[in-house]
Amino acid sequence: MTLRYTPMPSDLADHYRRRGPDAYDQAPERHISDGDGMPCRHCLANIEAGDPYLILAYRPFPALQPYAETGPIFLHAEECPAYDSRGDLPPILMTSKDYLLRGYGPDDRIVYGTGAVTPVEEVKTRASDLLGRPDIAYVHVRSARNNCYQCRIERA
């Protein structure tokens, strides 16, 4: 199965860069990167030392509902290209030994029993297995330690 790693939508990234309110109705905070572990959720690469970035509350779901988790993310403060590659792991997923992968149904709710901490070298296989199920519409990749949203995986 060919996978597509989906970043934050570009129109939403632009909204936040224009200081539009985040999921908690707050303006994103602007900081300067020290280059250590600040993955941009739009280009899906690390924010280099000295580059400005934003911290904001992000809810990667279309509507409020009990399973619509919200959490902090980083975003380049200046325009960056949206990640666009099929099959290749995004650069941000090469920075940890493992991630939490979890399947969601077409109703944007967690499909129970799908969440598992997965070694990075098994992410593609685990995501393909989950997306091979008819009840799974997409998979979230989250930090295995802090549950921070990284990106979404879909069928290509």
C-alpha atoms as a PDB file:
ATOM      1  CA  MET A   1       0.000   0.000   0.000  1.00  0.00           C
ATOM      2  CA  THR A   2       1.242   3.470  -0.856  1.00  0.00           C
ATOM      3  CA  LEU A   3       0.979   5.898   2.038  1.00  0.00           C
ATOM      4  CA  ARG A   4       0.587   9.674   2.052  1.00  0.00           C
ATOM      5  CA  TYR A   5       1.968  11.601   5.041  1.00  0.00           C
ATOM      6  CA  THR A   6      -0.269  14.643   5.368  1.00  0.00           C
ATOM      7  CA  PRO A   7       0.884  17.887   6.996  1.00  0.00           C
ATOM      8  CA  MET A   8      -1.212  20.674   8.457  1.00  0.00           C
ATOM      9  CA  PRO A   9      -3.212  22.281   5.616  1.00  0.00           C
ATOM     10  CA  SER A  10      -1.418  25.265   4.037  1.00  0.00           C
ATOM     11  CA  ASP A  11      -4.376  27.612   4.459  1.00  0.00           C
ATOM     12  CA  LEU A  12      -4.401  26.879   8.189  1.00  0.00           C
ATOM     13  CA  ALA A  13      -0.627  27.355   8.474  1.00  0.00           C
ATOM     14  CA  ASP A  14      -1.035  30.737   6.717  1.00  0.00           C
ATOM     15  CA  HIS A  15      -3.832  31.647   9.131  1.00  0.00           C
ATOM     16  CA  TYR A  16      -1.559  31.008  12.130  1.00  0.00           C
ATOM     17  CA  ARG A  17       1.355  32.895  10.532  1.00  0.00           C
ATOM     18  CA  ARG A  18      -0.950  35.914  10.207  1.00  0.00           C
ATOM     19  CA  ARG A  19      -1.453  35.583  13.992  1.00  0.00           C
ATOM     20  CA  GLY A  20      -4.945  34.147  13.596  1.00  0.00           C
ATOM     21  CA  PRO A  21      -6.325  32.443  16.705  1.00  0.00           C
ATOM     22  CA  ASP A  22      -5.446  28.827  17.449  1.00  0.00           C
ATOM     23  CA  ALA A  23      -7.724  26.046  18.716  1.00  0.00           C
ATOM     24  CA  TYR A  24      -7.941  27.802  22.101  1.00  0.00           C
ATOM     25  CA  ASP A  25      -8.691  31.179  20.502  1.00  0.00           C
ATOM     26  CA  GLN A  26      -5.220  32.485  21.389  1.00  0.00           C
ATOM     27  CA  ALA A  27      -2.657  34.144  19.121  1.00  0.00           C
ATOM     28  CA  PRO A  28       0.304  31.834  18.409  1.00  0.00           C
ATOM     29  CA  GLU A  29       3.442  32.563  20.432  1.00  0.00           C
ATOM     30  CA  ARG A  30       6.537  33.549  18.450  1.00  0.00           C
ATOM     31  CA  HIS A  31       9.992  32.260  19.474  1.00  0.00           C
ATOM     32  CA  ILE A  32      13.452  31.580  18.032  1.00  0.00           C
ATOM     33  CA  SER A  33      14.496  27.958  17.590  1.00  0.00           C
ATOM     34  CA  ASP A  34      17.498  26.507  19.366  1.00  0.00           C
ATOM     35  CA  GLY A  35      17.434  23.786  16.690  1.00  0.00           C
ATOM     36  CA  ASP A  36      16.647  20.967  19.081  1.00  0.00           C
ATOM     37  CA  GLY A  37      13.429  19.031  18.548  1.00  0.00           C
ATOM     38  CA  MET A  38      11.043  21.619  17.140  1.00  0.00           C
ATOM     39  CA  PRO A  39       9.285  19.871  14.258  1.00  0.00           C
ATOM     40  CA  CYS A  40       7.196  22.036  11.941  1.00  0.00           C
ATOM     41  CA  ARG A  41       3.812  20.424  11.262  1.00  0.00           C
ATOM     42  CA  HIS A  42       3.599  22.006   7.803  1.00  0.00           C
ATOM     43  CA  CYS A  43       6.882  21.060   6.103  1.00  0.00           C
ATOM     44  CA  LEU A  44       7.360  18.103   8.504  1.00  0.00           C
ATOM     45  CA  ALA A  45      11.017  19.002   9.043  1.00  0.00           C
ATOM     46  CA  ASN A  46      12.839  20.299  12.114  1.00  0.00           C
ATOM     47  CA  ILE A  47      12.997  24.082  12.595  1.00  0.00           C
ATOM     48  CA  GLU A  48      16.656  25.043  12.338  1.00  0.00           C
ATOM     49  CA  ALA A  49      18.519  26.970  15.061  1.00  0.00           C
ATOM     50  CA  GLY A  50      17.978  30.711  14.754  1.00  0.00           C
ATOM     51  CA  ASP A  51      14.767  30.415  12.737  1.00  0.00           C
ATOM     52  CA  PRO A  52      11.576  31.973  14.112  1.00  0.00           C
ATOM     53  CA  TYR A  53       8.739  29.597  14.935  1.00  0.00           C
ATOM     54  CA  LEU A  54       5.279  29.614  16.426  1.00  0.00           C
ATOM     55  CA  ILE A  55       3.840  27.554  19.269  1.00  0.00           C
ATOM     56  CA  LEU A  56       0.091  27.094  19.148  1.00  0.00           C
ATOM     57  CA  ALA A  57      -2.757  24.829  20.192  1.00  0.00           C
ATOM     58  CA  TYR A  58      -3.738  22.584  17.286  1.00  0.00           C
ATOM     59  CA  ARG A  59      -6.781  20.365  16.847  1.00  0.00           C
ATOM     60  CA  PRO A  60      -6.290  18.151  13.765  1.00  0.00           C
ATOM     61  CA  PHE A  61      -9.994  17.365  13.439  1.00  0.00           C
ATOM     62  CA  PRO A  62     -12.740  19.092  11.435  1.00  0.00           C
ATOM     63  CA  ALA A  63     -15.108  19.660  14.367  1.00  0.00           C
ATOM     64  CA  LEU A  64     -15.371  19.555  18.125  1.00  0.00           C
ATOM     65  CA  GLN A  65     -16.337  16.193  19.551  1.00  0.00           C
ATOM     66  CA  PRO A  66     -15.137  14.095  22.501  1.00  0.00           C
ATOM     67  CA  TYR A  67     -12.248  12.499  20.561  1.00  0.00           C
ATOM     68  CA  ALA A  68     -10.969  15.721  18.994  1.00  0.00           C
ATOM     69  CA  GLU A  69      -7.711  16.047  20.910  1.00  0.00           C
ATOM     70  CA  THR A  70      -5.970  19.410  21.033  1.00  0.00           C
ATOM     71  CA  GLY A  71      -2.341  19.983  21.870  1.00  0.00           C
ATOM     72  CA  PRO A  72       0.725  22.136  21.363  1.00  0.00           C
ATOM     73  CA  ILE A  73       2.615  22.111  18.062  1.00  0.00           C
ATOM     74  CA  PHE A  74       5.436  24.035  16.383  1.00  0.00           C
ATOM     75  CA  LEU A  75       5.192  25.799  13.026  1.00  0.00           C
ATOM     76  CA  HIS A  76       7.763  27.779  11.029  1.00  0.00           C
ATOM     77  CA  ALA A  77       6.879  31.451  11.547  1.00  0.00           C
ATOM     78  CA  GLU A  78       7.860  32.169   7.940  1.00  0.00           C
ATOM     79  CA  GLU A  79       6.377  30.426   4.927  1.00  0.00           C
ATOM     80  CA  CYS A  80       7.637  26.912   4.242  1.00  0.00           C
ATOM     81  CA  PRO A  81       6.539  24.373   1.628  1.00  0.00           C
ATOM     82  CA  ALA A  82       3.961  21.801   2.655  1.00  0.00           C
ATOM     83  CA  TYR A  83       5.419  18.307   2.908  1.00  0.00           C
ATOM     84  CA  ASP A  84       4.553  16.411  -0.250  1.00  0.00           C
ATOM     85  CA  SER A  85       5.921  12.915  -0.606  1.00  0.00           C
ATOM     86  CA  ARG A  86       4.307   9.533  -0.971  1.00  0.00           C
ATOM     87  CA  GLY A  87       5.877   6.554   0.669  1.00  0.00           C
ATOM     88  CA  ASP A  88       8.831   8.278   2.336  1.00  0.00           C
ATOM     89  CA  LEU A  89       8.822   8.953   6.060  1.00  0.00           C
ATOM     90  CA  PRO A  90       8.840  12.702   6.730  1.00  0.00           C
ATOM     91  CA  PRO A  91      12.053  14.078   8.267  1.00  0.00           C
ATOM     92  CA  ILE A  92      10.330  14.742  11.616  1.00  0.00           C
ATOM     93  CA  LEU A  93       9.682  11.030  12.036  1.00  0.00           C
ATOM     94  CA  MET A  94      13.402  10.296  11.922  1.00  0.00           C
ATOM     95  CA  THR A  95      14.023  12.104  15.219  1.00  0.00           C
ATOM     96  CA  SER A  96      12.655   9.533  17.669  1.00  0.00           C
ATOM     97  CA  LYS A  97      12.982   5.789  18.145  1.00  0.00           C
ATOM     98  CA  ASP A  98       9.216   5.245  18.242  1.00  0.00           C
ATOM     99  CA  TYR A  99       5.808   6.864  17.829  1.00  0.00           C
ATOM    100  CA  LEU A 100       2.224   6.247  18.868  1.00  0.00           C
ATOM    101  CA  LEU A 101       0.124   5.271  15.852  1.00  0.00           C
ATOM    102  CA  ARG A 102      -3.645   5.266  16.231  1.00  0.00           C
ATOM    103  CA  GLY A 103      -6.448   4.640  13.747  1.00  0.00           C
ATOM    104  CA  TYR A 104      -9.524   6.834  13.316  1.00  0.00           C
ATOM    105  CA  GLY A 105     -12.811   6.012  11.618  1.00  0.00           C
ATOM    106  CA  PRO A 106     -14.620   8.105   9.005  1.00  0.00           C
ATOM    107  CA  ASP A 107     -16.458   9.768  11.917  1.00  0.00           C
ATOM    108  CA  ASP A 108     -13.077  11.139  13.177  1.00  0.00           C
ATOM    109  CA  ARG A 109     -13.252   9.039  16.325  1.00  0.00           C
ATOM    110  CA  ILE A 110     -10.603   6.697  17.697  1.00  0.00           C
ATOM    111  CA  VAL A 111     -11.056   3.091  16.645  1.00  0.00           C
ATOM    112  CA  TYR A 112     -10.420   1.323  19.939  1.00  0.00           C
ATOM    113  CA  GLY A 113      -7.616  -1.192  20.040  1.00  0.00           C
ATOM    114  CA  THR A 114      -5.625   0.470  17.241  1.00  0.00           C
ATOM    115  CA  GLY A 115      -3.247   2.556  19.339  1.00  0.00           C
ATOM    116  CA  ALA A 116       0.271   1.156  19.688  1.00  0.00           C
ATOM    117  CA  VAL A 117       3.735   2.529  20.357  1.00  0.00           C
ATOM    118  CA  THR A 118       5.567   1.601  17.169  1.00  0.00           C
ATOM    119  CA  PRO A 119       9.316   1.588  16.445  1.00  0.00           C
ATOM    120  CA  VAL A 120      10.120   4.100  13.685  1.00  0.00           C
ATOM    121  CA  GLU A 121      11.340   1.349  11.355  1.00  0.00           C
ATOM    122  CA  GLU A 122       7.871  -0.283  11.610  1.00  0.00           C
ATOM    123  CA  VAL A 123       5.740   2.858  11.071  1.00  0.00           C
ATOM    124  CA  LYS A 124       5.058   2.116   7.386  1.00  0.00           C
ATOM    125  CA  THR A 125       4.073  -1.497   8.068  1.00  0.00           C
ATOM    126  CA  ARG A 126       1.859  -0.621  11.041  1.00  0.00           C
ATOM    127  CA  ALA A 127       0.150   2.229   9.155  1.00  0.00           C
ATOM    128  CA  SER A 128      -0.428  -0.027   6.120  1.00  0.00           C
ATOM    129  CA  ASP A 129      -1.922  -2.727   8.334  1.00  0.00           C
ATOM    130  CA  LEU A 130      -4.274  -0.236   9.984  1.00  0.00           C
ATOM    131  CA  LEU A 131      -5.279   1.385   6.699  1.00  0.00           C
ATOM    132  CA  GLY A 132      -5.973  -2.054   5.258  1.00  0.00           C
ATOM    133  CA  ARG A 133      -8.950  -2.270   7.595  1.00  0.00           C
ATOM    134  CA  PRO A 134     -12.292  -0.974   6.259  1.00  0.00           C
ATOM    135  CA  ASP A 135     -13.115   0.764   9.566  1.00  0.00           C
ATOM    136  CA  ILE A 136      -9.948   2.920   9.524  1.00  0.00           C
ATOM    137  CA  ALA A 137     -10.077   6.172   7.491  1.00  0.00           C
ATOM    138  CA  TYR A 138      -6.687   7.570   8.576  1.00  0.00           C
ATOM    139  CA  VAL A 139      -3.931   7.202  11.144  1.00  0.00           C
ATOM    140  CA  HIS A 140      -2.427   9.784  13.462  1.00  0.00           C
ATOM    141  CA  VAL A 141       1.247   9.719  14.310  1.00  0.00           C
ATOM    142  CA  ARG A 142       1.876  11.102  17.783  1.00  0.00           C
ATOM    143  CA  SER A 143       4.822  11.373  20.119  1.00  0.00           C
ATOM    144  CA  ALA A 144       5.135   8.176  22.150  1.00  0.00           C
ATOM    145  CA  ARG A 145       6.164  10.184  25.211  1.00  0.00           C
ATOM    146  CA  ASN A 146       4.061  13.347  25.151  1.00  0.00           C
ATOM    147  CA  ASN A 147       1.214  12.412  22.772  1.00  0.00           C
ATOM    148  CA  CYS A 148       1.968  15.471  20.595  1.00  0.00           C
ATOM    149  CA  TYR A 149       0.452  15.281  17.119  1.00  0.00           C
ATOM    150  CA  GLN A 150       3.068  14.839  14.372  1.00  0.00           C
ATOM    151  CA  CYS A 151       1.159  14.160  11.143  1.00  0.00           C
ATOM    152  CA  ARG A 152      -1.624  12.155   9.551  1.00  0.00           C
ATOM    153  CA  ILE A 153      -1.193   9.091   7.333  1.00  0.00           C
ATOM    154  CA  GLU A 154      -3.718   8.269   4.619  1.00  0.00           C
ATOM    155  CA  ARG A 155      -4.032   5.885   1.705  1.00  0.00           C
ATOM    156  CA  ALA A 156      -2.408   7.467  -1.357  1.00  0.00           C
END
